[in-house]
Each structure stands twice: as C-alpha cells, then as structure tokens.
Amino acid sequence: MTSFATAYLDVTYDETQHLLSGRWKRGVMPFELQQGYSAILDVAAATNCRFWLLDIRRRTGVDASDVFWITEEFFPKLQPRMGHTTYMAFLMSPHHLAGVLAGNGADIDSAPDGLPYAFQRFTDEPAALVWLEHCHQHDSVER
C-alpha cells in the first residue's frame, strides 16, 4: 500500500481495489489545499490510479478562490498526468451536501460530459465505493 500523510491529509493507494483515498483531517488554508491536491495527484500518477475517494467531511474553510484554483488549475492537470478519465467520489457530510445543493457556499459544479474527469458527491461511503467500482468496470469496457 502506497501512502502519504500530513497533519491535514492522509492519502493511501490500495492496489487490491485499485483505489486511491484522500482523507482530509481538518480545515485547511489555501496553500494546504493546493499542496494536498498536488500530493493526491502525485500518488495517483505514481500508482497509475484514476479512481479516487476524496473524503472532505472534515475539510472546512474552502471558499470561491479555492474552488477557482481546483477547477482552473488542478483539474486541467489531470489529463496530462493521468492520460485518461479520472473518477472522483467526494464524500461529504449531509449538512455540507445540503448546502451545496441549495447553492449556499463555494462548490465545484458537476463535470460536464467530455471532460477528462468525472465526479459525484456522496454522504455514504459504501455508495461512493459502488459508484467508483461501476466507473472502473465501465472504463475497462470502453478501453
């Protein structure tokens, strides 16, 4: 198992499930958010894993400028580094998800078709894992 850890993020790669997990441990500053996502991408590239479970239930303090960085700086790096579609299941608290769906606060809009990444939001980890497994199977059939 490949791993990376900081005071604010644990990243692990499970080769038996071909799954990368990034679990945020607390609220982060903008530079930590950027370093964290860069570390996730580095581990993903090193393990050639495009199926990510991102647990953001404890990560707070993300604002519009952080979302801008994710969508305009981070997401465009996925295709050059990963080569194919990257699938991300964001695990959120029910309160956070309800706020996102109501349009309160900063959030990433759903990924339109045709982009080299896809993501869904979940409050239930088993459901997120089922979605990632479905993506893995579907991706394998297409290639």
N, C-alpha and C. Protein backbone atom coordinates (compact mmCIF):
# COMPACT_ATOMS: atom_id res chain seq x y z
N MET A 1 0.85 -1.17 0.00
CA MET A 1 0.00 0.00 0.00
C MET A 1 0.89 1.24 0.00
N THR A 2 0.66 2.13 -0.94
CA THR A 2 1.38 3.39 -1.03
C THR A 2 0.64 4.43 -0.21
N SER A 3 1.38 5.29 0.50
CA SER A 3 0.69 6.29 1.31
C SER A 3 1.50 7.58 1.41
N PHE A 4 0.80 8.62 1.82
CA PHE A 4 1.36 9.95 2.04
C PHE A 4 0.54 10.56 3.16
N ALA A 5 1.17 11.22 4.12
CA ALA A 5 0.41 11.80 5.23
C ALA A 5 1.00 13.14 5.65
N THR A 6 0.09 14.04 6.02
CA THR A 6 0.45 15.32 6.61
C THR A 6 -0.46 15.50 7.82
N ALA A 7 -0.35 16.64 8.47
CA ALA A 7 -1.23 16.94 9.61
C ALA A 7 -2.67 17.13 9.17
N TYR A 8 -2.88 17.39 7.89
CA TYR A 8 -4.24 17.69 7.41
C TYR A 8 -4.79 16.72 6.38
N LEU A 9 -3.97 15.75 5.91
CA LEU A 9 -4.42 14.86 4.84
C LEU A 9 -3.71 13.52 4.91
N ASP A 10 -4.47 12.44 4.73
CA ASP A 10 -3.92 11.10 4.54
C ASP A 10 -4.28 10.65 3.13
N VAL A 11 -3.28 10.19 2.39
CA VAL A 11 -3.51 9.65 1.04
C VAL A 11 -2.99 8.22 1.04
N THR A 12 -3.84 7.29 0.62
CA THR A 12 -3.42 5.89 0.52
C THR A 12 -3.88 5.31 -0.81
N TYR A 13 -3.10 4.39 -1.31
CA TYR A 13 -3.46 3.66 -2.52
C TYR A 13 -3.57 2.19 -2.16
N ASP A 14 -4.73 1.62 -2.44
CA ASP A 14 -4.99 0.20 -2.20
C ASP A 14 -4.92 -0.52 -3.54
N GLU A 15 -3.82 -1.26 -3.75
CA GLU A 15 -3.64 -1.90 -5.05
C GLU A 15 -4.63 -3.04 -5.28
N THR A 16 -5.16 -3.66 -4.23
CA THR A 16 -6.12 -4.74 -4.44
C THR A 16 -7.44 -4.21 -5.00
N GLN A 17 -7.82 -3.00 -4.61
CA GLN A 17 -9.05 -2.39 -5.13
C GLN A 17 -8.76 -1.38 -6.24
N HIS A 18 -7.51 -1.11 -6.49
CA HIS A 18 -7.08 -0.07 -7.42
C HIS A 18 -7.83 1.23 -7.11
N LEU A 19 -7.67 1.66 -5.85
CA LEU A 19 -8.41 2.81 -5.33
C LEU A 19 -7.46 3.72 -4.55
N LEU A 20 -7.52 5.00 -4.85
CA LEU A 20 -6.77 6.00 -4.10
C LEU A 20 -7.75 6.70 -3.17
N SER A 21 -7.39 6.80 -1.90
CA SER A 21 -8.22 7.50 -0.92
C SER A 21 -7.47 8.71 -0.40
N GLY A 22 -8.14 9.84 -0.43
CA GLY A 22 -7.61 11.06 0.17
C GLY A 22 -8.56 11.51 1.25
N ARG A 23 -8.11 11.47 2.49
CA ARG A 23 -8.98 11.81 3.63
C ARG A 23 -8.44 13.07 4.32
N TRP A 24 -9.20 14.15 4.15
CA TRP A 24 -8.84 15.41 4.80
C TRP A 24 -9.17 15.30 6.27
N LYS A 25 -8.24 15.73 7.14
CA LYS A 25 -8.40 15.56 8.58
C LYS A 25 -8.91 16.80 9.29
N ARG A 26 -8.86 17.95 8.62
CA ARG A 26 -9.29 19.20 9.26
C ARG A 26 -9.46 20.26 8.19
N GLY A 27 -9.93 21.42 8.62
CA GLY A 27 -9.98 22.56 7.73
C GLY A 27 -8.58 22.94 7.29
N VAL A 28 -8.46 23.52 6.12
CA VAL A 28 -7.14 23.82 5.57
C VAL A 28 -7.05 25.26 5.09
N MET A 29 -5.83 25.72 5.05
CA MET A 29 -5.50 27.01 4.45
C MET A 29 -5.38 26.80 2.94
N PRO A 30 -5.49 27.84 2.13
CA PRO A 30 -5.39 27.66 0.68
C PRO A 30 -4.11 26.95 0.23
N PHE A 31 -2.97 27.27 0.82
CA PHE A 31 -1.73 26.60 0.41
C PHE A 31 -1.76 25.11 0.77
N GLU A 32 -2.43 24.74 1.87
CA GLU A 32 -2.54 23.33 2.24
C GLU A 32 -3.46 22.60 1.28
N LEU A 33 -4.54 23.24 0.87
CA LEU A 33 -5.45 22.65 -0.10
C LEU A 33 -4.68 22.35 -1.39
N GLN A 34 -3.90 23.31 -1.85
CA GLN A 34 -3.15 23.14 -3.08
C GLN A 34 -2.07 22.06 -2.93
N GLN A 35 -1.34 22.08 -1.82
CA GLN A 35 -0.33 21.05 -1.59
C GLN A 35 -0.97 19.67 -1.47
N GLY A 36 -2.13 19.61 -0.81
CA GLY A 36 -2.82 18.35 -0.63
C GLY A 36 -3.27 17.74 -1.94
N TYR A 37 -3.93 18.54 -2.76
CA TYR A 37 -4.38 18.02 -4.05
C TYR A 37 -3.20 17.68 -4.96
N SER A 38 -2.12 18.43 -4.86
CA SER A 38 -0.91 18.09 -5.63
C SER A 38 -0.34 16.75 -5.17
N ALA A 39 -0.36 16.49 -3.86
CA ALA A 39 0.11 15.21 -3.34
C ALA A 39 -0.79 14.07 -3.80
N ILE A 40 -2.10 14.30 -3.79
CA ILE A 40 -3.03 13.28 -4.28
C ILE A 40 -2.70 12.94 -5.73
N LEU A 41 -2.50 13.95 -6.55
CA LEU A 41 -2.19 13.72 -7.96
C LEU A 41 -0.84 13.02 -8.12
N ASP A 42 0.14 13.36 -7.30
CA ASP A 42 1.44 12.69 -7.38
C ASP A 42 1.32 11.20 -7.06
N VAL A 43 0.59 10.86 -5.99
CA VAL A 43 0.40 9.45 -5.64
C VAL A 43 -0.39 8.74 -6.73
N ALA A 44 -1.41 9.40 -7.25
CA ALA A 44 -2.23 8.80 -8.32
C ALA A 44 -1.38 8.53 -9.56
N ALA A 45 -0.54 9.48 -9.94
CA ALA A 45 0.31 9.29 -11.12
C ALA A 45 1.33 8.18 -10.88
N ALA A 46 1.90 8.13 -9.69
CA ALA A 46 2.91 7.11 -9.38
C ALA A 46 2.32 5.71 -9.38
N THR A 47 1.04 5.59 -9.04
CA THR A 47 0.38 4.28 -8.97
C THR A 47 -0.52 4.03 -10.18
N ASN A 48 -0.62 5.02 -11.06
CA ASN A 48 -1.49 4.95 -12.24
C ASN A 48 -2.94 4.64 -11.84
N CYS A 49 -3.40 5.33 -10.80
CA CYS A 49 -4.76 5.11 -10.29
C CYS A 49 -5.63 6.31 -10.60
N ARG A 50 -6.72 6.07 -11.33
CA ARG A 50 -7.64 7.13 -11.73
C ARG A 50 -8.98 7.05 -11.01
N PHE A 51 -9.06 6.28 -9.94
CA PHE A 51 -10.31 6.09 -9.19
C PHE A 51 -10.06 6.55 -7.76
N TRP A 52 -10.66 7.69 -7.41
CA TRP A 52 -10.34 8.38 -6.16
C TRP A 52 -11.55 8.53 -5.26
N LEU A 53 -11.38 8.19 -4.00
CA LEU A 53 -12.36 8.50 -2.96
C LEU A 53 -11.78 9.66 -2.16
N LEU A 54 -12.45 10.82 -2.22
CA LEU A 54 -11.97 12.02 -1.55
C LEU A 54 -12.92 12.37 -0.42
N ASP A 55 -12.48 12.11 0.80
CA ASP A 55 -13.30 12.33 1.99
C ASP A 55 -13.06 13.75 2.48
N ILE A 56 -14.04 14.63 2.22
CA ILE A 56 -13.91 16.04 2.58
C ILE A 56 -14.83 16.41 3.75
N ARG A 57 -15.29 15.41 4.49
CA ARG A 57 -16.22 15.68 5.59
C ARG A 57 -15.62 16.58 6.66
N ARG A 58 -14.33 16.51 6.89
CA ARG A 58 -13.69 17.33 7.94
C ARG A 58 -13.02 18.58 7.37
N ARG A 59 -12.95 18.65 6.05
CA ARG A 59 -12.28 19.80 5.44
C ARG A 59 -13.26 20.96 5.35
N THR A 60 -12.96 22.04 6.04
CA THR A 60 -13.81 23.22 6.04
C THR A 60 -13.00 24.42 5.57
N GLY A 61 -13.67 25.51 5.38
CA GLY A 61 -12.97 26.74 5.06
C GLY A 61 -12.65 26.93 3.60
N VAL A 62 -13.23 26.14 2.71
CA VAL A 62 -12.98 26.30 1.29
C VAL A 62 -13.88 27.43 0.78
N ASP A 63 -13.26 28.37 0.07
CA ASP A 63 -14.04 29.49 -0.44
C ASP A 63 -13.97 29.54 -1.97
N ALA A 64 -14.54 30.59 -2.55
CA ALA A 64 -14.62 30.70 -4.01
C ALA A 64 -13.24 30.69 -4.67
N SER A 65 -12.24 31.29 -4.04
CA SER A 65 -10.90 31.29 -4.65
C SER A 65 -10.30 29.89 -4.65
N ASP A 66 -10.60 29.08 -3.63
CA ASP A 66 -10.13 27.69 -3.60
C ASP A 66 -10.80 26.88 -4.70
N VAL A 67 -12.10 27.07 -4.86
CA VAL A 67 -12.84 26.37 -5.92
C VAL A 67 -12.30 26.78 -7.28
N PHE A 68 -12.00 28.07 -7.45
CA PHE A 68 -11.42 28.54 -8.71
C PHE A 68 -10.10 27.82 -8.96
N TRP A 69 -9.24 27.70 -7.94
CA TRP A 69 -7.97 27.02 -8.11
C TRP A 69 -8.19 25.56 -8.51
N ILE A 70 -9.12 24.88 -7.86
CA ILE A 70 -9.38 23.47 -8.18
C ILE A 70 -9.84 23.33 -9.62
N THR A 71 -10.81 24.15 -10.02
CA THR A 71 -11.39 24.00 -11.37
C THR A 71 -10.48 24.52 -12.47
N GLU A 72 -9.75 25.59 -12.22
CA GLU A 72 -8.96 26.22 -13.27
C GLU A 72 -7.48 25.82 -13.28
N GLU A 73 -6.97 25.36 -12.15
CA GLU A 73 -5.56 24.99 -12.07
C GLU A 73 -5.36 23.48 -11.89
N PHE A 74 -6.12 22.89 -10.96
CA PHE A 74 -5.91 21.48 -10.65
C PHE A 74 -6.53 20.55 -11.69
N PHE A 75 -7.82 20.69 -11.95
CA PHE A 75 -8.49 19.79 -12.89
C PHE A 75 -7.79 19.74 -14.26
N PRO A 76 -7.31 20.86 -14.80
CA PRO A 76 -6.61 20.78 -16.09
C PRO A 76 -5.31 19.96 -16.05
N LYS A 77 -4.77 19.70 -14.87
CA LYS A 77 -3.55 18.89 -14.76
C LYS A 77 -3.84 17.39 -14.81
N LEU A 78 -5.11 17.01 -14.65
CA LEU A 78 -5.44 15.59 -14.58
C LEU A 78 -5.12 14.86 -15.88
N GLN A 79 -5.60 15.35 -17.00
CA GLN A 79 -5.39 14.66 -18.28
C GLN A 79 -3.91 14.50 -18.62
N PRO A 80 -3.11 15.55 -18.54
CA PRO A 80 -1.69 15.35 -18.87
C PRO A 80 -0.98 14.36 -17.95
N ARG A 81 -1.35 14.32 -16.69
CA ARG A 81 -0.68 13.42 -15.74
C ARG A 81 -1.25 12.01 -15.77
N MET A 82 -2.59 11.89 -15.94
CA MET A 82 -3.23 10.58 -15.80
C MET A 82 -3.50 9.91 -17.15
N GLY A 83 -3.62 10.67 -18.21
CA GLY A 83 -3.78 10.10 -19.54
C GLY A 83 -5.20 9.76 -19.95
N HIS A 84 -6.05 9.44 -19.02
CA HIS A 84 -7.44 9.08 -19.30
C HIS A 84 -8.32 9.69 -18.21
N THR A 85 -9.60 9.43 -18.29
CA THR A 85 -10.57 9.99 -17.35
C THR A 85 -10.22 9.61 -15.91
N THR A 86 -10.25 10.61 -15.03
CA THR A 86 -10.07 10.41 -13.60
C THR A 86 -11.45 10.50 -12.96
N TYR A 87 -11.78 9.52 -12.11
CA TYR A 87 -13.09 9.44 -11.46
C TYR A 87 -12.93 9.77 -9.98
N MET A 88 -13.69 10.76 -9.51
CA MET A 88 -13.57 11.23 -8.13
C MET A 88 -14.92 11.15 -7.43
N ALA A 89 -14.97 10.42 -6.33
CA ALA A 89 -16.16 10.37 -5.47
C ALA A 89 -15.86 11.23 -4.25
N PHE A 90 -16.58 12.35 -4.13
CA PHE A 90 -16.41 13.25 -2.99
C PHE A 90 -17.35 12.82 -1.88
N LEU A 91 -16.80 12.44 -0.75
CA LEU A 91 -17.58 12.03 0.42
C LEU A 91 -17.76 13.25 1.31
N MET A 92 -19.02 13.67 1.48
CA MET A 92 -19.33 14.92 2.18
C MET A 92 -20.26 14.64 3.35
N SER A 93 -20.28 15.56 4.31
CA SER A 93 -21.27 15.46 5.39
C SER A 93 -22.64 15.82 4.81
N PRO A 94 -23.71 15.27 5.39
CA PRO A 94 -25.05 15.63 4.90
C PRO A 94 -25.31 17.13 4.93
N HIS A 95 -24.82 17.80 5.97
CA HIS A 95 -25.01 19.25 6.08
C HIS A 95 -24.30 19.99 4.94
N HIS A 96 -23.07 19.59 4.66
CA HIS A 96 -22.29 20.22 3.58
C HIS A 96 -22.97 19.98 2.24
N LEU A 97 -23.38 18.75 1.98
CA LEU A 97 -24.04 18.43 0.71
C LEU A 97 -25.34 19.21 0.56
N ALA A 98 -26.12 19.30 1.63
CA ALA A 98 -27.38 20.06 1.57
C ALA A 98 -27.10 21.52 1.22
N GLY A 99 -26.06 22.09 1.80
CA GLY A 99 -25.69 23.47 1.48
C GLY A 99 -25.27 23.63 0.04
N VAL A 100 -24.52 22.67 -0.47
CA VAL A 100 -24.09 22.71 -1.87
C VAL A 100 -25.30 22.64 -2.79
N LEU A 101 -26.19 21.70 -2.51
CA LEU A 101 -27.37 21.53 -3.37
C LEU A 101 -28.30 22.73 -3.31
N ALA A 102 -28.30 23.43 -2.18
CA ALA A 102 -29.13 24.63 -2.04
C ALA A 102 -28.45 25.86 -2.64
N GLY A 103 -27.20 25.70 -3.06
CA GLY A 103 -26.49 26.82 -3.65
C GLY A 103 -25.82 27.73 -2.65
N ASN A 104 -25.66 27.26 -1.42
CA ASN A 104 -25.01 28.07 -0.38
C ASN A 104 -23.53 27.73 -0.33
N GLY A 105 -22.70 28.72 -0.43
CA GLY A 105 -21.26 28.49 -0.29
C GLY A 105 -20.61 28.10 -1.60
N ALA A 106 -19.29 28.02 -1.54
CA ALA A 106 -18.49 27.69 -2.72
C ALA A 106 -18.53 26.19 -2.97
N ASP A 107 -18.63 25.83 -4.23
CA ASP A 107 -18.61 24.43 -4.59
C ASP A 107 -18.22 24.29 -6.05
N ILE A 108 -17.82 23.10 -6.40
CA ILE A 108 -17.49 22.76 -7.77
C ILE A 108 -18.77 22.28 -8.43
N ASP A 109 -19.09 22.85 -9.57
CA ASP A 109 -20.25 22.37 -10.32
C ASP A 109 -19.96 20.99 -10.88
N SER A 110 -21.01 20.27 -11.22
CA SER A 110 -20.85 18.96 -11.82
C SER A 110 -20.02 19.05 -13.09
N ALA A 111 -19.24 18.02 -13.34
CA ALA A 111 -18.38 17.99 -14.52
C ALA A 111 -19.21 17.70 -15.76
N PRO A 112 -19.16 18.57 -16.76
CA PRO A 112 -19.89 18.30 -18.00
C PRO A 112 -19.29 17.10 -18.72
N ASP A 113 -20.09 16.45 -19.54
CA ASP A 113 -19.60 15.34 -20.35
C ASP A 113 -18.48 15.82 -21.26
N GLY A 114 -17.57 14.92 -21.56
CA GLY A 114 -16.49 15.24 -22.48
C GLY A 114 -15.22 15.72 -21.81
N LEU A 115 -15.27 15.99 -20.52
CA LEU A 115 -14.06 16.40 -19.81
C LEU A 115 -13.29 15.16 -19.36
N PRO A 116 -11.98 15.30 -19.14
CA PRO A 116 -11.18 14.14 -18.75
C PRO A 116 -11.28 13.79 -17.27
N TYR A 117 -12.37 14.17 -16.65
CA TYR A 117 -12.63 13.79 -15.26
C TYR A 117 -14.14 13.72 -15.05
N ALA A 118 -14.52 12.94 -14.05
CA ALA A 118 -15.93 12.82 -13.67
C ALA A 118 -15.98 12.73 -12.16
N PHE A 119 -17.02 13.30 -11.57
CA PHE A 119 -17.15 13.18 -10.12
C PHE A 119 -18.61 13.17 -9.72
N GLN A 120 -18.83 12.62 -8.54
CA GLN A 120 -20.13 12.60 -7.90
C GLN A 120 -19.91 12.92 -6.43
N ARG A 121 -20.97 13.39 -5.79
CA ARG A 121 -20.94 13.70 -4.36
C ARG A 121 -21.76 12.65 -3.61
N PHE A 122 -21.26 12.25 -2.45
CA PHE A 122 -21.92 11.22 -1.65
C PHE A 122 -21.86 11.60 -0.17
N THR A 123 -22.83 11.10 0.59
CA THR A 123 -22.77 11.18 2.05
C THR A 123 -22.53 9.80 2.65
N ASP A 124 -22.54 8.78 1.82
CA ASP A 124 -22.43 7.40 2.25
C ASP A 124 -21.22 6.76 1.55
N GLU A 125 -20.23 6.32 2.33
CA GLU A 125 -19.02 5.76 1.73
C GLU A 125 -19.27 4.50 0.92
N PRO A 126 -20.09 3.55 1.39
CA PRO A 126 -20.35 2.38 0.54
C PRO A 126 -20.94 2.75 -0.83
N ALA A 127 -21.83 3.74 -0.87
CA ALA A 127 -22.40 4.17 -2.15
C ALA A 127 -21.32 4.78 -3.04
N ALA A 128 -20.41 5.53 -2.45
CA ALA A 128 -19.31 6.12 -3.21
C ALA A 128 -18.42 5.02 -3.80
N LEU A 129 -18.15 4.00 -3.02
CA LEU A 129 -17.32 2.89 -3.50
C LEU A 129 -18.01 2.11 -4.61
N VAL A 130 -19.32 1.94 -4.50
CA VAL A 130 -20.08 1.27 -5.57
C VAL A 130 -19.97 2.07 -6.86
N TRP A 131 -20.13 3.39 -6.77
CA TRP A 131 -20.02 4.24 -7.95
C TRP A 131 -18.63 4.13 -8.58
N LEU A 132 -17.59 4.16 -7.75
CA LEU A 132 -16.23 4.04 -8.28
C LEU A 132 -16.01 2.68 -8.94
N GLU A 133 -16.54 1.62 -8.36
CA GLU A 133 -16.43 0.29 -8.96
C GLU A 133 -17.15 0.26 -10.31
N HIS A 134 -18.33 0.86 -10.37
CA HIS A 134 -19.07 0.94 -11.63
C HIS A 134 -18.24 1.71 -12.68
N CYS A 135 -17.64 2.81 -12.26
CA CYS A 135 -16.79 3.59 -13.18
C CYS A 135 -15.62 2.75 -13.67
N HIS A 136 -15.02 1.99 -12.77
CA HIS A 136 -13.88 1.14 -13.13
C HIS A 136 -14.31 0.11 -14.17
N GLN A 137 -15.44 -0.53 -13.94
CA GLN A 137 -15.94 -1.54 -14.89
C GLN A 137 -16.28 -0.90 -16.23
N HIS A 138 -16.97 0.22 -16.21
CA HIS A 138 -17.37 0.92 -17.43
C HIS A 138 -16.13 1.40 -18.20
N ASP A 139 -15.16 1.93 -17.48
CA ASP A 139 -13.93 2.42 -18.10
C ASP A 139 -13.17 1.27 -18.76
N SER A 140 -13.15 0.11 -18.11
CA SER A 140 -12.45 -1.05 -18.66
C SER A 140 -13.11 -1.54 -19.94
N VAL A 141 -14.43 -1.47 -20.01
CA VAL A 141 -15.17 -1.91 -21.20
C VAL A 141 -14.90 -0.98 -22.37
N GLU A 142 -14.85 0.33 -22.10
CA GLU A 142 -14.64 1.32 -23.16
C GLU A 142 -13.25 1.25 -23.76
N ARG A 143 -12.27 0.82 -23.00
CA ARG A 143 -10.90 0.81 -23.49
C ARG A 143 -10.62 -0.51 -24.07
